[in-house]
Amino acid sequence: MMFNRSLNRLLCLSLFTLCTQTVIASDALTVAESDTLAKEDIAAAQVLAEVCPTLIGKNPAFDSKIQNHTQTLLKDLKGSAKNLEQLAQDAEYQAILKSAKLDAKEVEKEEQKSVCEDVLNIES
C-alpha cells in the first residue's frame, strides 16, 4: 500500500515537499512509519535526479535543489542512515526506490518534464 504513494509523491514532490519543510507529527506516527515516509520522499527525489537531466538538460540549480531537499529529508530519519550511502544499504529503502523507479516509468514524459520544471522554478 505504501508503495502506491510513490507515484503521487513523485508528481507532487515539486509542488509540496520542496516548497515546505517535511513535517511529521511525531505523536501520530511511529518512528518506523516516519522513517518510511522520509525514505519514500528521498526515493522520489532520487528518481527525479535521475530522470530530469534527460528531460530538461543538466542544470546546476536543479541539482542543488534536489541535493538540499534530500539532505533535509535525511535529517528526518530516526534510524541509523544519515547519508545516501548508508541509506543505499537499507533493504526497505531499496524496495521503495525500486518501486518509485517503476512508478516513474508509468508517467508520461511530458508530465515528468513538467514536474522537473516545477522543481527548477521553485524559489529557494
Protein backbone atom coordinates (compact mmCIF):
# COMPACT_ATOMS: atom_id res chain seq x y z
CA MET A 1 0.00 0.00 0.00
CA MET A 2 2.75 2.48 0.86
CA PHE A 3 4.46 1.84 -2.47
CA ASN A 4 1.35 3.04 -4.32
CA ARG A 5 2.02 6.52 -2.96
CA SER A 6 5.40 6.70 -4.71
CA LEU A 7 3.88 7.86 -7.97
CA ASN A 8 1.82 10.52 -6.25
CA ARG A 9 4.86 11.62 -4.28
CA LEU A 10 6.88 11.88 -7.49
CA LEU A 11 4.26 14.07 -9.09
CA CYS A 12 3.66 16.22 -6.03
CA LEU A 13 7.28 16.48 -4.93
CA SER A 14 7.93 19.75 -6.70
CA LEU A 15 4.70 21.31 -5.56
CA PHE A 16 4.66 20.22 -1.94
CA THR A 17 7.74 18.79 -0.30
CA LEU A 18 10.30 21.06 -1.94
CA CYS A 19 8.24 24.12 -1.04
CA THR A 20 8.00 23.31 2.63
CA GLN A 21 9.96 21.54 5.31
CA THR A 22 8.85 17.97 5.78
CA VAL A 23 6.76 17.95 8.92
CA ILE A 24 5.80 14.68 10.51
CA ALA A 25 3.53 14.61 13.52
CA SER A 26 5.58 12.52 15.89
CA ASP A 27 2.60 11.75 18.10
CA ALA A 28 0.61 10.42 15.15
CA LEU A 29 3.29 8.18 13.60
CA THR A 30 5.67 5.59 14.92
CA VAL A 31 9.39 6.04 14.29
CA ALA A 32 9.21 3.28 11.66
CA GLU A 33 6.30 4.96 9.87
CA SER A 34 8.05 8.31 9.98
CA ASP A 35 11.23 6.80 8.57
CA THR A 36 9.27 5.05 5.80
CA LEU A 37 7.68 8.34 4.75
CA ALA A 38 11.07 10.06 4.70
CA LYS A 39 12.52 7.18 2.66
CA GLU A 40 9.66 7.49 0.16
CA ASP A 41 10.35 11.20 -0.23
CA ILE A 42 14.09 10.60 -0.62
CA ALA A 43 13.43 7.92 -3.25
CA ALA A 44 11.16 10.29 -5.17
CA ALA A 45 13.87 12.96 -5.09
CA GLN A 46 16.46 10.46 -6.31
CA VAL A 47 14.21 9.37 -9.17
CA LEU A 48 13.79 13.00 -10.18
CA ALA A 49 17.57 13.45 -10.00
CA GLU A 50 17.94 10.55 -12.45
CA VAL A 51 15.07 11.39 -14.80
CA CYS A 52 15.14 15.17 -15.05
CA PRO A 53 18.55 15.77 -16.66
CA THR A 54 17.43 13.88 -19.77
CA LEU A 55 14.19 15.88 -19.90
CA ILE A 56 15.34 19.42 -19.05
CA GLY A 57 19.08 19.15 -19.54
CA LYS A 58 21.84 19.24 -16.98
CA ASN A 59 21.15 22.13 -14.63
CA PRO A 60 23.21 23.03 -11.55
CA ALA A 61 20.27 24.87 -9.94
CA PHE A 62 18.08 21.78 -10.24
CA ASP A 63 20.85 19.58 -8.86
CA SER A 64 21.32 21.91 -5.91
CA LYS A 65 17.60 21.98 -5.09
CA ILE A 66 17.34 18.17 -5.19
CA GLN A 67 20.50 17.77 -3.08
CA ASN A 68 19.33 20.29 -0.50
CA HIS A 69 15.91 18.65 -0.31
CA THR A 70 17.48 15.21 0.06
CA GLN A 71 19.73 16.44 2.88
CA THR A 72 16.70 17.91 4.66
CA LEU A 73 14.85 14.62 4.34
CA LEU A 74 17.84 12.63 5.60
CA LYS A 75 17.70 14.68 8.79
CA ASP A 76 14.13 13.41 9.29
CA LEU A 77 15.33 9.82 9.53
CA LYS A 78 15.43 8.50 13.08
CA GLY A 79 17.26 5.30 12.13
CA SER A 80 20.98 4.82 11.60
CA ALA A 81 21.16 6.03 7.97
CA LYS A 82 22.34 9.62 7.92
CA ASN A 83 23.51 9.87 4.30
CA LEU A 84 22.64 8.37 0.93
CA GLU A 85 25.46 5.85 1.07
CA GLN A 86 24.16 4.42 4.34
CA LEU A 87 20.59 4.57 3.12
CA ALA A 88 21.56 2.63 0.00
CA GLN A 89 22.33 -0.34 2.28
CA ASP A 90 18.80 -0.29 3.75
CA ALA A 91 16.60 -3.07 2.33
CA GLU A 92 13.37 -1.12 2.85
CA TYR A 93 14.79 1.90 1.04
CA GLN A 94 15.96 -0.26 -1.86
CA ALA A 95 12.43 -1.66 -2.26
CA ILE A 96 10.92 1.83 -2.07
CA LEU A 97 13.42 3.19 -4.60
CA LYS A 98 12.77 0.31 -6.98
CA SER A 99 9.03 0.91 -6.74
CA ALA A 100 9.46 4.66 -7.31
CA LYS A 101 11.51 3.98 -10.44
CA LEU A 102 8.87 1.62 -11.77
CA ASP A 103 6.11 4.11 -10.98
CA ALA A 104 8.01 6.87 -12.78
CA LYS A 105 8.14 4.76 -15.95
CA GLU A 106 4.34 4.78 -15.99
CA VAL A 107 4.19 8.58 -16.05
CA GLU A 108 4.17 10.24 -19.47
CA LYS A 109 7.35 12.11 -20.40
CA GLU A 110 5.53 15.44 -20.69
CA GLU A 111 4.19 15.08 -17.15
CA GLN A 112 7.65 14.13 -15.89
CA LYS A 113 9.13 17.14 -17.66
CA SER A 114 6.53 19.40 -16.07
CA VAL A 115 7.45 18.13 -12.59
CA CYS A 116 11.14 18.68 -13.35
CA GLU A 117 10.47 22.23 -14.48
CA ASP A 118 8.39 22.86 -11.37
CA VAL A 119 11.31 21.77 -9.20
CA LEU A 120 13.63 24.04 -11.16
CA ASN A 121 11.28 27.01 -10.75
CA ILE A 122 10.71 26.67 -7.02
CA GLU A 123 12.11 29.58 -5.07
CA SER A 124 14.84 28.52 -2.69
